[in-house]
Amino acid sequence: MTLVQREQEGSVNSRTVQLVKLLTELGPDVPEIARRLGQFKESVRYRYKEKILNKGFAVQAAVDHERLGLKRVMLVADFSETYKNYATAILTAMSEVSYVVSFAKSLIGGEYVVNLSVPSELIGDVREFLLALKERGMFAKLEILEFDWARIVPMKPDYYDFDTGRWDFEW
């Protein structure tokens, strides 16, 4: 049975899908969501805790980087032999004291892909700092890519079955 069929039957999952759509719009305002759904606050609160929070979903604001004056930057970095064993520790420390928001080691080449969110007016300074680290031997390879635009794709609750914890999408 597809999610569309379950929605037509008015299942618990379809009510959870409606709840997630309203969470996206309003945030975790349970009384307002209950009012809009025409359901008891206690039922909505229970479903919110059991189907959303306890299943590992986080309800948080999506930052509009451009409106806040931030620019997305990506690094493709290969650490030199001297620093290779400390790469994760270095990037973790950079996430605490600078603009690093995520990083991952690529499987094929072993380079790190690092995402930064930098105030637009500091892009030049950050670029100079990173290039100085390369000149001092921290990086064997460093490529700096600036993004003009990025989008955080919202969850598509219509394609997720909250009862089974599986995505259900017709390709």
C-alpha atoms as a PDB file:
ATOM      1  CA  MET A   1       0.000   0.000   0.000  1.00  0.00           C
ATOM      2  CA  THR A   2       1.486   3.368  -0.999  1.00  0.00           C
ATOM      3  CA  LEU A   3       1.467   6.498   1.109  1.00  0.00           C
ATOM      4  CA  VAL A   4      -1.122   8.043  -1.199  1.00  0.00           C
ATOM      5  CA  GLN A   5      -3.455   5.110  -0.542  1.00  0.00           C
ATOM      6  CA  ARG A   6      -2.871   5.396   3.211  1.00  0.00           C
ATOM      7  CA  GLU A   7      -3.609   9.122   3.089  1.00  0.00           C
ATOM      8  CA  GLN A   8      -6.868   8.441   1.301  1.00  0.00           C
ATOM      9  CA  GLU A   9      -7.802   6.042   4.096  1.00  0.00           C
ATOM     10  CA  GLY A  10      -7.046   8.682   6.755  1.00  0.00           C
ATOM     11  CA  SER A  11      -4.348   6.609   8.471  1.00  0.00           C
ATOM     12  CA  VAL A  12      -2.229   7.663  11.418  1.00  0.00           C
ATOM     13  CA  ASN A  13       0.644   8.146   8.963  1.00  0.00           C
ATOM     14  CA  SER A  14      -1.303  10.724   6.953  1.00  0.00           C
ATOM     15  CA  ARG A  15      -2.001  12.663  10.159  1.00  0.00           C
ATOM     16  CA  THR A  16       1.722  12.520  10.938  1.00  0.00           C
ATOM     17  CA  VAL A  17       2.498  13.813   7.428  1.00  0.00           C
ATOM     18  CA  GLN A  18       0.116  16.730   8.048  1.00  0.00           C
ATOM     19  CA  LEU A  19       1.817  17.315  11.409  1.00  0.00           C
ATOM     20  CA  VAL A  20       5.273  17.442   9.759  1.00  0.00           C
ATOM     21  CA  LYS A  21       4.063  19.903   7.126  1.00  0.00           C
ATOM     22  CA  LEU A  22       2.748  22.189   9.869  1.00  0.00           C
ATOM     23  CA  LEU A  23       5.954  21.754  11.891  1.00  0.00           C
ATOM     24  CA  THR A  24       7.853  22.965   8.827  1.00  0.00           C
ATOM     25  CA  GLU A  25       5.599  25.998   8.580  1.00  0.00           C
ATOM     26  CA  LEU A  26       5.073  26.879  12.267  1.00  0.00           C
ATOM     27  CA  GLY A  27       7.798  25.156  14.252  1.00  0.00           C
ATOM     28  CA  PRO A  28       6.884  23.030  17.297  1.00  0.00           C
ATOM     29  CA  ASP A  29       3.811  25.085  18.262  1.00  0.00           C
ATOM     30  CA  VAL A  30       1.714  22.105  19.364  1.00  0.00           C
ATOM     31  CA  PRO A  31      -1.412  24.080  20.412  1.00  0.00           C
ATOM     32  CA  GLU A  32      -1.578  25.884  17.027  1.00  0.00           C
ATOM     33  CA  ILE A  33      -0.890  22.679  15.087  1.00  0.00           C
ATOM     34  CA  ALA A  34      -3.625  20.884  17.056  1.00  0.00           C
ATOM     35  CA  ARG A  35      -6.040  23.737  16.319  1.00  0.00           C
ATOM     36  CA  ARG A  36      -5.292  23.654  12.592  1.00  0.00           C
ATOM     37  CA  LEU A  37      -5.579  19.860  12.444  1.00  0.00           C
ATOM     38  CA  GLY A  38      -8.739  19.839  14.546  1.00  0.00           C
ATOM     39  CA  GLN A  39      -7.175  17.335  16.944  1.00  0.00           C
ATOM     40  CA  PHE A  40      -6.538  17.204  20.676  1.00  0.00           C
ATOM     41  CA  LYS A  41      -3.278  18.808  21.832  1.00  0.00           C
ATOM     42  CA  GLU A  42      -2.390  15.652  23.748  1.00  0.00           C
ATOM     43  CA  SER A  43      -2.727  13.517  20.597  1.00  0.00           C
ATOM     44  CA  VAL A  44      -0.598  15.898  18.551  1.00  0.00           C
ATOM     45  CA  ARG A  45       2.003  16.167  21.314  1.00  0.00           C
ATOM     46  CA  TYR A  46       2.164  12.356  21.613  1.00  0.00           C
ATOM     47  CA  ARG A  47       2.562  11.881  17.837  1.00  0.00           C
ATOM     48  CA  TYR A  48       5.169  14.688  17.748  1.00  0.00           C
ATOM     49  CA  LYS A  49       7.249  12.973  20.443  1.00  0.00           C
ATOM     50  CA  GLU A  50       6.777   9.360  19.298  1.00  0.00           C
ATOM     51  CA  LYS A  51       6.916   9.744  15.505  1.00  0.00           C
ATOM     52  CA  ILE A  52       9.266  12.718  15.156  1.00  0.00           C
ATOM     53  CA  LEU A  53      11.569  13.385  18.118  1.00  0.00           C
ATOM     54  CA  ASN A  54      12.032   9.785  19.315  1.00  0.00           C
ATOM     55  CA  LYS A  55      12.758   8.606  15.752  1.00  0.00           C
ATOM     56  CA  GLY A  56      15.772  10.880  15.370  1.00  0.00           C
ATOM     57  CA  PHE A  57      14.249  13.847  13.544  1.00  0.00           C
ATOM     58  CA  ALA A  58      15.225  17.329  14.696  1.00  0.00           C
ATOM     59  CA  VAL A  59      12.978  20.337  14.355  1.00  0.00           C
ATOM     60  CA  GLN A  60      15.150  23.372  13.764  1.00  0.00           C
ATOM     61  CA  ALA A  61      15.241  26.595  11.800  1.00  0.00           C
ATOM     62  CA  ALA A  62      16.716  26.532   8.308  1.00  0.00           C
ATOM     63  CA  VAL A  63      19.296  29.285   8.083  1.00  0.00           C
ATOM     64  CA  ASP A  64      19.077  31.558   5.041  1.00  0.00           C
ATOM     65  CA  HIS A  65      22.809  32.101   4.640  1.00  0.00           C
ATOM     66  CA  GLU A  66      22.523  34.734   1.927  1.00  0.00           C
ATOM     67  CA  ARG A  67      20.107  36.925   3.893  1.00  0.00           C
ATOM     68  CA  LEU A  68      22.396  36.729   6.910  1.00  0.00           C
ATOM     69  CA  GLY A  69      25.343  37.874   4.809  1.00  0.00           C
ATOM     70  CA  LEU A  70      27.038  34.476   4.781  1.00  0.00           C
ATOM     71  CA  LYS A  71      28.654  32.820   1.789  1.00  0.00           C
ATOM     72  CA  ARG A  72      29.042  29.091   1.306  1.00  0.00           C
ATOM     73  CA  VAL A  73      32.575  27.919   0.584  1.00  0.00           C
ATOM     74  CA  MET A  74      33.784  24.395  -0.122  1.00  0.00           C
ATOM     75  CA  LEU A  75      37.336  23.167   0.179  1.00  0.00           C
ATOM     76  CA  VAL A  76      38.798  20.095  -1.419  1.00  0.00           C
ATOM     77  CA  ALA A  77      41.875  19.542   0.705  1.00  0.00           C
ATOM     78  CA  ASP A  78      44.521  16.876   0.867  1.00  0.00           C
ATOM     79  CA  PHE A  79      46.594  17.143   4.019  1.00  0.00           C
ATOM     80  CA  SER A  80      50.353  16.787   3.732  1.00  0.00           C
ATOM     81  CA  GLU A  81      51.958  13.656   5.193  1.00  0.00           C
ATOM     82  CA  THR A  82      52.967  15.545   8.353  1.00  0.00           C
ATOM     83  CA  TYR A  83      49.342  16.448   9.152  1.00  0.00           C
ATOM     84  CA  LYS A  84      47.413  13.526   7.618  1.00  0.00           C
ATOM     85  CA  ASN A  85      47.008  11.686  10.944  1.00  0.00           C
ATOM     86  CA  TYR A  86      45.650  14.851  12.577  1.00  0.00           C
ATOM     87  CA  ALA A  87      43.263  15.926   9.809  1.00  0.00           C
ATOM     88  CA  THR A  88      40.058  15.048  11.657  1.00  0.00           C
ATOM     89  CA  ALA A  89      41.254  16.755  14.852  1.00  0.00           C
ATOM     90  CA  ILE A  90      42.318  19.861  12.906  1.00  0.00           C
ATOM     91  CA  LEU A  91      38.992  20.133  11.066  1.00  0.00           C
ATOM     92  CA  THR A  92      37.038  19.498  14.261  1.00  0.00           C
ATOM     93  CA  ALA A  93      38.960  22.278  16.001  1.00  0.00           C
ATOM     94  CA  MET A  94      38.329  24.551  13.002  1.00  0.00           C
ATOM     95  CA  SER A  95      34.601  23.844  13.329  1.00  0.00           C
ATOM     96  CA  GLU A  96      34.717  25.135  16.899  1.00  0.00           C
ATOM     97  CA  VAL A  97      36.767  28.292  16.293  1.00  0.00           C
ATOM     98  CA  SER A  98      36.138  29.204  12.658  1.00  0.00           C
ATOM     99  CA  TYR A  99      33.576  28.819   9.884  1.00  0.00           C
ATOM    100  CA  VAL A 100      33.764  25.062   9.184  1.00  0.00           C
ATOM    101  CA  VAL A 101      30.270  23.535   9.322  1.00  0.00           C
ATOM    102  CA  SER A 102      30.946  20.030   7.984  1.00  0.00           C
ATOM    103  CA  PHE A 103      33.612  17.809   6.484  1.00  0.00           C
ATOM    104  CA  ALA A 104      34.039  14.314   5.102  1.00  0.00           C
ATOM    105  CA  LYS A 105      36.883  12.254   3.712  1.00  0.00           C
ATOM    106  CA  SER A 106      36.307  11.096   0.152  1.00  0.00           C
ATOM    107  CA  LEU A 107      36.529   7.362  -0.409  1.00  0.00           C
ATOM    108  CA  ILE A 108      38.393   7.412  -3.694  1.00  0.00           C
ATOM    109  CA  GLY A 109      41.112  10.045  -3.389  1.00  0.00           C
ATOM    110  CA  GLY A 110      41.230  10.416   0.378  1.00  0.00           C
ATOM    111  CA  GLU A 111      40.869  14.193   0.171  1.00  0.00           C
ATOM    112  CA  TYR A 112      38.651  16.027   2.581  1.00  0.00           C
ATOM    113  CA  VAL A 113      35.615  17.932   1.388  1.00  0.00           C
ATOM    114  CA  VAL A 114      35.057  20.774   3.839  1.00  0.00           C
ATOM    115  CA  ASN A 115      32.032  23.084   3.943  1.00  0.00           C
ATOM    116  CA  LEU A 116      32.309  26.560   5.414  1.00  0.00           C
ATOM    117  CA  SER A 117      29.797  29.330   5.985  1.00  0.00           C
ATOM    118  CA  VAL A 118      31.745  32.599   5.974  1.00  0.00           C
ATOM    119  CA  PRO A 119      30.608  36.216   6.423  1.00  0.00           C
ATOM    120  CA  SER A 120      30.763  37.726   2.920  1.00  0.00           C
ATOM    121  CA  GLU A 121      33.069  40.547   3.974  1.00  0.00           C
ATOM    122  CA  LEU A 122      35.628  38.021   5.326  1.00  0.00           C
ATOM    123  CA  ILE A 123      35.874  35.777   2.251  1.00  0.00           C
ATOM    124  CA  GLY A 124      39.172  37.341   1.185  1.00  0.00           C
ATOM    125  CA  ASP A 125      40.689  37.002   4.668  1.00  0.00           C
ATOM    126  CA  VAL A 126      39.615  33.360   4.956  1.00  0.00           C
ATOM    127  CA  ARG A 127      41.018  32.609   1.494  1.00  0.00           C
ATOM    128  CA  GLU A 128      44.359  34.213   2.470  1.00  0.00           C
ATOM    129  CA  PHE A 129      44.441  32.279   5.746  1.00  0.00           C
ATOM    130  CA  LEU A 130      43.828  28.947   4.015  1.00  0.00           C
ATOM    131  CA  LEU A 131      46.424  29.665   1.339  1.00  0.00           C
ATOM    132  CA  ALA A 132      48.907  30.602   4.102  1.00  0.00           C
ATOM    133  CA  LEU A 133      48.272  27.214   5.746  1.00  0.00           C
ATOM    134  CA  LYS A 134      49.000  25.572   2.383  1.00  0.00           C
ATOM    135  CA  GLU A 135      52.236  27.583   2.010  1.00  0.00           C
ATOM    136  CA  ARG A 136      53.303  26.492   5.504  1.00  0.00           C
ATOM    137  CA  GLY A 137      52.860  22.852   4.509  1.00  0.00           C
ATOM    138  CA  MET A 138      49.562  21.827   6.078  1.00  0.00           C
ATOM    139  CA  PHE A 139      47.924  20.992   2.749  1.00  0.00           C
ATOM    140  CA  ALA A 140      49.436  19.098  -0.158  1.00  0.00           C
ATOM    141  CA  LYS A 141      46.444  20.166  -2.258  1.00  0.00           C
ATOM    142  CA  LEU A 142      43.860  22.863  -1.624  1.00  0.00           C
ATOM    143  CA  GLU A 143      41.011  23.912  -3.883  1.00  0.00           C
ATOM    144  CA  ILE A 144      38.676  26.692  -2.702  1.00  0.00           C
ATOM    145  CA  LEU A 145      35.211  26.858  -4.282  1.00  0.00           C
ATOM    146  CA  GLU A 146      32.754  29.662  -3.545  1.00  0.00           C
ATOM    147  CA  PHE A 147      29.048  29.079  -4.013  1.00  0.00           C
ATOM    148  CA  ASP A 148      26.769  31.782  -5.353  1.00  0.00           C
ATOM    149  CA  TRP A 149      23.672  29.970  -4.185  1.00  0.00           C
ATOM    150  CA  ALA A 150      22.769  26.920  -2.104  1.00  0.00           C
ATOM    151  CA  ARG A 151      19.462  25.401  -1.080  1.00  0.00           C
ATOM    152  CA  ILE A 152      18.563  23.267   1.902  1.00  0.00           C
ATOM    153  CA  VAL A 153      16.047  20.795   0.568  1.00  0.00           C
ATOM    154  CA  PRO A 154      13.163  20.361   3.004  1.00  0.00           C
ATOM    155  CA  MET A 155      11.952  16.926   3.997  1.00  0.00           C
ATOM    156  CA  LYS A 156       9.220  15.574   1.738  1.00  0.00           C
ATOM    157  CA  PRO A 157       6.960  14.008   4.378  1.00  0.00           C
ATOM    158  CA  ASP A 158       4.544  12.699   1.736  1.00  0.00           C
ATOM    159  CA  TYR A 159       7.158  10.111   0.754  1.00  0.00           C
ATOM    160  CA  TYR A 160       8.096   8.915   4.232  1.00  0.00           C
ATOM    161  CA  ASP A 161       6.182   6.287   6.181  1.00  0.00           C
ATOM    162  CA  PHE A 162       6.412   7.336   9.820  1.00  0.00           C
ATOM    163  CA  ASP A 163       4.866   4.050  10.959  1.00  0.00           C
ATOM    164  CA  THR A 164       7.564   1.835   9.403  1.00  0.00           C
ATOM    165  CA  GLY A 165      10.417   4.364   9.278  1.00  0.00           C
ATOM    166  CA  ARG A 166      10.953   3.879   5.533  1.00  0.00           C
ATOM    167  CA  TRP A 167      10.912   6.053   2.455  1.00  0.00           C
ATOM    168  CA  ASP A 168       8.173   5.113   0.004  1.00  0.00           C
ATOM    169  CA  PHE A 169       8.746   6.743  -3.370  1.00  0.00           C
ATOM    170  CA  GLU A 170       7.518   5.613  -6.783  1.00  0.00           C
ATOM    171  CA  TRP A 171      10.410   6.069  -9.215  1.00  0.00           C
END
